[in-house]
C-alpha atoms as a PDB file:
ATOM      1  CA  MET A   1     -30.602  11.114  -5.095  1.00  0.00           C
ATOM      2  CA  ASP A   2     -27.957  13.982  -6.294  1.00  0.00           C
ATOM      3  CA  PRO A   3     -24.373  13.463  -6.750  1.00  0.00           C
ATOM      4  CA  GLU A   4     -22.345  15.474  -4.595  1.00  0.00           C
ATOM      5  CA  PRO A   5     -20.006  17.775  -6.365  1.00  0.00           C
ATOM      6  CA  VAL A   6     -16.418  17.706  -5.826  1.00  0.00           C
ATOM      7  CA  ARG A   7     -14.348  20.335  -4.789  1.00  0.00           C
ATOM      8  CA  ALA A   8     -10.324  21.362  -5.466  1.00  0.00           C
ATOM      9  CA  ALA A   9      -8.400  20.969  -2.855  1.00  0.00           C
ATOM     10  CA  THR A  10      -5.811  22.996  -1.550  1.00  0.00           C
ATOM     11  CA  GLY A  11      -3.044  22.813  -3.760  1.00  0.00           C
ATOM     12  CA  THR A  12      -4.256  22.321  -6.762  1.00  0.00           C
ATOM     13  CA  ARG A  13      -4.633  24.392 -10.189  1.00  0.00           C
ATOM     14  CA  PHE A  14      -7.891  25.177  -9.495  1.00  0.00           C
ATOM     15  CA  ALA A  15      -8.859  27.648  -6.248  1.00  0.00           C
ATOM     16  CA  THR A  16      -9.615  26.010  -3.467  1.00  0.00           C
ATOM     17  CA  GLY A  17     -13.543  25.165  -3.446  1.00  0.00           C
ATOM     18  CA  THR A  18     -14.285  25.534  -7.085  1.00  0.00           C
ATOM     19  CA  GLN A  19     -16.121  22.962  -8.254  1.00  0.00           C
ATOM     20  CA  LEU A  20     -14.335  20.851 -10.827  1.00  0.00           C
ATOM     21  CA  PRO A  21     -15.837  20.517 -14.000  1.00  0.00           C
ATOM     22  CA  CYS A  22     -17.935  17.125 -14.931  1.00  0.00           C
ATOM     23  CA  VAL A  23     -16.465  15.719 -11.881  1.00  0.00           C
ATOM     24  CA  ARG A  24     -19.261  14.130  -9.374  1.00  0.00           C
ATOM     25  CA  LYS A  25     -18.764  12.367  -6.956  1.00  0.00           C
ATOM     26  CA  LEU A  26     -21.801  10.109  -6.344  1.00  0.00           C
ATOM     27  CA  GLU A  27     -22.830   8.747  -2.773  1.00  0.00           C
ATOM     28  CA  GLY A  28     -21.878   5.120  -2.092  1.00  0.00           C
ATOM     29  CA  MET A  29     -20.171   4.838  -5.064  1.00  0.00           C
ATOM     30  CA  ASN A  30     -16.876   5.462  -2.913  1.00  0.00           C
ATOM     31  CA  THR A  31     -14.016   3.231  -3.711  1.00  0.00           C
ATOM     32  CA  PRO A  32     -13.345   0.524  -1.357  1.00  0.00           C
ATOM     33  CA  ALA A  33     -12.265   1.598   2.439  1.00  0.00           C
ATOM     34  CA  LEU A  34      -8.432   1.360   3.183  1.00  0.00           C
ATOM     35  CA  PRO A  35      -7.137   0.407   6.532  1.00  0.00           C
ATOM     36  CA  ALA A  36      -7.136   3.893   8.943  1.00  0.00           C
ATOM     37  CA  ALA A  37      -3.054   3.903   8.114  1.00  0.00           C
ATOM     38  CA  LEU A  38      -2.937   2.924   4.444  1.00  0.00           C
ATOM     39  CA  ALA A  39      -6.318   5.334   3.987  1.00  0.00           C
ATOM     40  CA  ASP A  40      -3.760   8.560   5.893  1.00  0.00           C
ATOM     41  CA  ILE A  41      -1.214   7.589   3.769  1.00  0.00           C
ATOM     42  CA  VAL A  42      -2.879   7.888   0.732  1.00  0.00           C
ATOM     43  CA  ASP A  43      -4.793  11.145   1.980  1.00  0.00           C
ATOM     44  CA  ASP A  44      -0.839  12.419   2.372  1.00  0.00           C
ATOM     45  CA  PHE A  45       0.169  12.169  -1.040  1.00  0.00           C
ATOM     46  CA  GLN A  46      -2.981  13.373  -2.167  1.00  0.00           C
ATOM     47  CA  ALA A  47      -2.716  16.343  -0.797  1.00  0.00           C
ATOM     48  CA  LEU A  48       0.571  17.145  -1.974  1.00  0.00           C
ATOM     49  CA  THR A  49       1.762  18.431  -5.602  1.00  0.00           C
ATOM     50  CA  GLU A  50       3.559  15.907  -7.411  1.00  0.00           C
ATOM     51  CA  PRO A  51       6.952  16.985  -6.371  1.00  0.00           C
ATOM     52  CA  GLU A  52       6.303  16.673  -3.245  1.00  0.00           C
ATOM     53  CA  ARG A  53       4.891  13.775  -3.408  1.00  0.00           C
ATOM     54  CA  LEU A  54       8.120  12.648  -4.600  1.00  0.00           C
ATOM     55  CA  GLN A  55       9.634  14.059  -1.525  1.00  0.00           C
ATOM     56  CA  LEU A  56       7.139  12.218   0.954  1.00  0.00           C
ATOM     57  CA  LEU A  57       8.132   8.694  -1.275  1.00  0.00           C
ATOM     58  CA  LEU A  58      11.892   9.553  -0.632  1.00  0.00           C
ATOM     59  CA  GLU A  59      10.789   9.809   2.984  1.00  0.00           C
ATOM     60  CA  PHE A  60       9.032   6.875   3.001  1.00  0.00           C
ATOM     61  CA  SER A  61      12.158   5.159   1.364  1.00  0.00           C
ATOM     62  CA  GLN A  62      14.385   6.344   4.753  1.00  0.00           C
ATOM     63  CA  GLY A  63      11.715   5.096   6.884  1.00  0.00           C
ATOM     64  CA  LEU A  64      11.560   1.669   5.999  1.00  0.00           C
ATOM     65  CA  PRO A  65      13.130  -1.006   8.650  1.00  0.00           C
ATOM     66  CA  GLU A  66      16.026  -2.883   8.147  1.00  0.00           C
ATOM     67  CA  LEU A  67      15.293  -6.508   8.223  1.00  0.00           C
ATOM     68  CA  PRO A  68      15.350  -8.631  11.457  1.00  0.00           C
ATOM     69  CA  GLU A  69      18.568 -10.352  11.982  1.00  0.00           C
ATOM     70  CA  ARG A  70      16.950 -13.663  11.451  1.00  0.00           C
ATOM     71  CA  LEU A  71      15.792 -13.041   8.205  1.00  0.00           C
ATOM     72  CA  ARG A  72      19.348 -11.519   7.247  1.00  0.00           C
ATOM     73  CA  ASP A  73      20.993 -14.135   8.032  1.00  0.00           C
ATOM     74  CA  HIS A  74      18.722 -16.681   5.942  1.00  0.00           C
ATOM     75  CA  PRO A  75      18.118 -14.660   2.751  1.00  0.00           C
ATOM     76  CA  GLU A  76      16.305 -18.311   1.244  1.00  0.00           C
ATOM     77  CA  LEU A  77      13.291 -17.087   3.263  1.00  0.00           C
ATOM     78  CA  LEU A  78      12.577 -14.272   1.316  1.00  0.00           C
ATOM     79  CA  GLU A  79      10.583 -13.769  -2.105  1.00  0.00           C
ATOM     80  CA  GLN A  80      11.791 -11.686  -5.028  1.00  0.00           C
ATOM     81  CA  VAL A  81       9.212  -9.515  -6.693  1.00  0.00           C
ATOM     82  CA  VAL A  82      10.353 -10.010  -9.977  1.00  0.00           C
ATOM     83  CA  GLU A  83       8.255  -7.309 -11.279  1.00  0.00           C
ATOM     84  CA  CYS A  84      10.373  -4.732  -9.571  1.00  0.00           C
ATOM     85  CA  GLN A  85      13.054  -2.761 -11.648  1.00  0.00           C
ATOM     86  CA  THR A  86      15.466  -3.145  -8.345  1.00  0.00           C
ATOM     87  CA  PRO A  87      15.677  -6.419  -6.713  1.00  0.00           C
ATOM     88  CA  LEU A  88      13.376  -6.299  -3.953  1.00  0.00           C
ATOM     89  CA  PHE A  89      12.832  -9.117  -1.581  1.00  0.00           C
ATOM     90  CA  LEU A  90      10.022  -9.566   1.008  1.00  0.00           C
ATOM     91  CA  THR A  91       8.424 -11.939   3.132  1.00  0.00           C
ATOM     92  CA  ILE A  92       5.558 -12.016   5.762  1.00  0.00           C
ATOM     93  CA  GLU A  93       4.703 -13.616   9.179  1.00  0.00           C
ATOM     94  CA  THR A  94       1.803 -14.206  11.544  1.00  0.00           C
ATOM     95  CA  GLU A  95       2.117 -13.698  15.132  1.00  0.00           C
ATOM     96  CA  PRO A  96      -0.751 -13.979  17.965  1.00  0.00           C
ATOM     97  CA  GLY A  97      -3.504 -11.345  18.268  1.00  0.00           C
ATOM     98  CA  ASP A  98      -4.389  -9.921  21.642  1.00  0.00           C
ATOM     99  CA  GLY A  99      -7.632 -11.804  23.238  1.00  0.00           C
ATOM    100  CA  ASP A 100     -10.172 -12.089  20.545  1.00  0.00           C
ATOM    101  CA  SER A 101      -8.249 -10.305  17.794  1.00  0.00           C
ATOM    102  CA  PRO A 102      -7.412 -12.202  14.749  1.00  0.00           C
ATOM    103  CA  GLU A 103      -3.586 -13.118  13.983  1.00  0.00           C
ATOM    104  CA  ARG A 104      -1.685 -10.084  12.598  1.00  0.00           C
ATOM    105  CA  VAL A 105       0.617  -9.881   9.632  1.00  0.00           C
ATOM    106  CA  ARG A 106       4.331  -8.791   9.522  1.00  0.00           C
ATOM    107  CA  LEU A 107       5.594  -7.437   6.738  1.00  0.00           C
ATOM    108  CA  TYR A 108       9.447  -7.495   6.142  1.00  0.00           C
ATOM    109  CA  PHE A 109      11.387  -6.047   2.806  1.00  0.00           C
ATOM    110  CA  LYS A 110      14.906  -6.055   1.499  1.00  0.00           C
ATOM    111  CA  ALA A 111      15.468  -3.024  -0.935  1.00  0.00           C
ATOM    112  CA  PRO A 112      18.826  -1.304  -1.981  1.00  0.00           C
ATOM    113  CA  ARG A 113      19.300   2.301  -0.268  1.00  0.00           C
ATOM    114  CA  GLU A 114      20.382   2.675  -3.929  1.00  0.00           C
ATOM    115  CA  ALA A 115      17.054   2.440  -5.099  1.00  0.00           C
ATOM    116  CA  PRO A 116      14.451   5.402  -3.249  1.00  0.00           C
ATOM    117  CA  THR A 117      11.516   5.010  -5.511  1.00  0.00           C
ATOM    118  CA  THR A 118      10.944   0.782  -5.106  1.00  0.00           C
ATOM    119  CA  ARG A 119      12.146   1.397  -1.097  1.00  0.00           C
ATOM    120  CA  GLY A 120       9.768   4.034  -1.194  1.00  0.00           C
ATOM    121  CA  PHE A 121       7.192   2.014  -2.251  1.00  0.00           C
ATOM    122  CA  ALA A 122       8.028  -1.011  -0.011  1.00  0.00           C
ATOM    123  CA  GLY A 123       7.795   1.861   2.851  1.00  0.00           C
ATOM    124  CA  VAL A 124       4.355   2.964   1.813  1.00  0.00           C
ATOM    125  CA  LEU A 125       3.171  -0.779   2.373  1.00  0.00           C
ATOM    126  CA  HIS A 126       4.753  -1.527   5.444  1.00  0.00           C
ATOM    127  CA  GLU A 127       3.644   1.097   7.070  1.00  0.00           C
ATOM    128  CA  GLY A 128       0.073   0.882   6.132  1.00  0.00           C
ATOM    129  CA  LEU A 129      -0.195  -2.694   6.359  1.00  0.00           C
ATOM    130  CA  ASP A 130       2.183  -4.183   8.932  1.00  0.00           C
ATOM    131  CA  GLY A 131       0.247  -5.505  11.799  1.00  0.00           C
ATOM    132  CA  LEU A 132      -3.415  -5.715  10.552  1.00  0.00           C
ATOM    133  CA  SER A 133      -5.403  -8.616  10.191  1.00  0.00           C
ATOM    134  CA  ALA A 134      -5.122 -11.033   6.918  1.00  0.00           C
ATOM    135  CA  ALA A 135      -8.543 -10.220   6.539  1.00  0.00           C
ATOM    136  CA  GLU A 136      -7.553  -6.686   6.412  1.00  0.00           C
ATOM    137  CA  ILE A 137      -4.838  -6.711   4.087  1.00  0.00           C
ATOM    138  CA  LEU A 138      -6.767  -8.798   1.261  1.00  0.00           C
ATOM    139  CA  ALA A 139      -9.541  -6.479   1.422  1.00  0.00           C
ATOM    140  CA  VAL A 140      -7.269  -4.012   0.226  1.00  0.00           C
ATOM    141  CA  PRO A 141      -7.967  -2.857  -3.250  1.00  0.00           C
ATOM    142  CA  ASP A 142      -5.460  -3.818  -5.863  1.00  0.00           C
ATOM    143  CA  ASP A 143      -5.772  -0.651  -7.226  1.00  0.00           C
ATOM    144  CA  MET A 144      -4.477   1.091  -4.280  1.00  0.00           C
ATOM    145  CA  PRO A 145      -1.057   2.055  -5.416  1.00  0.00           C
ATOM    146  CA  GLU A 146      -2.823   4.681  -8.421  1.00  0.00           C
ATOM    147  CA  GLN A 147      -4.547   6.441  -5.406  1.00  0.00           C
ATOM    148  CA  LEU A 148      -0.678   7.827  -4.395  1.00  0.00           C
ATOM    149  CA  GLY A 149      -1.407  10.143  -7.234  1.00  0.00           C
ATOM    150  CA  LEU A 150       2.036   8.953  -8.551  1.00  0.00           C
ATOM    151  CA  THR A 151       1.282   7.806 -12.246  1.00  0.00           C
ATOM    152  CA  ARG A 152       2.349  11.123 -14.087  1.00  0.00           C
ATOM    153  CA  ALA A 153       5.456  11.385 -11.667  1.00  0.00           C
ATOM    154  CA  ILE A 154       6.522   7.834 -11.691  1.00  0.00           C
ATOM    155  CA  THR A 155       6.916   5.265 -14.799  1.00  0.00           C
ATOM    156  CA  PRO A 156       4.332   2.844 -15.603  1.00  0.00           C
ATOM    157  CA  LEU A 157       6.515   0.428 -15.085  1.00  0.00           C
ATOM    158  CA  ARG A 158       7.456   1.427 -11.581  1.00  0.00           C
ATOM    159  CA  MET A 159       4.236   1.847 -10.727  1.00  0.00           C
ATOM    160  CA  ARG A 160       3.484  -1.881 -11.782  1.00  0.00           C
ATOM    161  CA  GLY A 161       6.439  -2.999  -9.471  1.00  0.00           C
ATOM    162  CA  MET A 162       4.265  -1.332  -6.225  1.00  0.00           C
ATOM    163  CA  THR A 163       1.461  -3.411  -7.770  1.00  0.00           C
ATOM    164  CA  ALA A 164       3.188  -6.585  -7.558  1.00  0.00           C
ATOM    165  CA  MET A 165       4.292  -5.760  -4.440  1.00  0.00           C
ATOM    166  CA  LEU A 166       0.680  -5.658  -2.945  1.00  0.00           C
ATOM    167  CA  GLY A 167      -0.299  -8.760  -4.995  1.00  0.00           C
ATOM    168  CA  ARG A 168       2.400 -10.698  -3.711  1.00  0.00           C
ATOM    169  CA  ILE A 169       2.047  -9.747  -0.335  1.00  0.00           C
ATOM    170  CA  LYS A 170      -1.765 -10.393  -1.046  1.00  0.00           C
ATOM    171  CA  ARG A 171      -1.116 -13.624  -2.358  1.00  0.00           C
ATOM    172  CA  LYS A 172       1.188 -14.670   0.526  1.00  0.00           C
ATOM    173  CA  VAL A 173      -1.576 -14.020   3.113  1.00  0.00           C
ATOM    174  CA  ALA A 174      -4.041 -15.684   1.339  1.00  0.00           C
ATOM    175  CA  ALA A 175      -1.960 -18.844   1.424  1.00  0.00           C
ATOM    176  CA  LEU A 176      -1.337 -18.165   4.976  1.00  0.00           C
ATOM    177  CA  VAL A 177      -5.336 -18.493   5.993  1.00  0.00           C
ATOM    178  CA  PRO A 178      -6.767 -21.251   6.961  1.00  0.00           C
ATOM    179  CA  ARG A 179      -9.216 -22.669   4.618  1.00  0.00           C
ATOM    180  CA  GLN A 180     -12.964 -22.807   6.046  1.00  0.00           C
ATOM    181  CA  GLN A 181     -14.065 -26.386   6.470  1.00  0.00           C
ATOM    182  CA  PRO A 182     -17.527 -26.787   4.453  1.00  0.00           C
ATOM    183  CA  ALA A 183     -20.177 -27.499   7.281  1.00  0.00           C
ATOM    184  CA  GLN A 184     -20.908 -31.132   7.665  1.00  0.00           C
ATOM    185  CA  SER A 185     -24.872 -31.916   7.888  1.00  0.00           C
END
């Protein structure tokens, strides 16, 4: 099976459609699939130039929902992501699925408005993961934040903060998933 050449997209420094040097995509060697909403977000970021990606991150920061009142009044229910440069707190809850569908995970974040990068990362994760099943969230690759194409525009410390947010979400979700009982013979 011959590898498929990777062609430049619109908005890159190469002419659209140009075969990129030394870059080939092998069939079946793609990164693990992302949930649809998160894949759309990643595609949106990847289609933009670096300055446009930063603008989109700012838009996600402005779209991060406020905490519901029941959580605002009980900050002890939130867990701080200490790896973030800015104080960021999160929690998850589950709600029953519809019919035969599995439980859905709800994500809640608290991040100061004065920290648009941190709020933007939280906004991306909220929009991309909120309402998914535990299995869908646990299947998200740990390196998903790098797929946004922000590693040159954002400091490594801030990128580690988003990776830590995703890791914290996945750990909290894994703790909620009921342990499978071994089959009895």
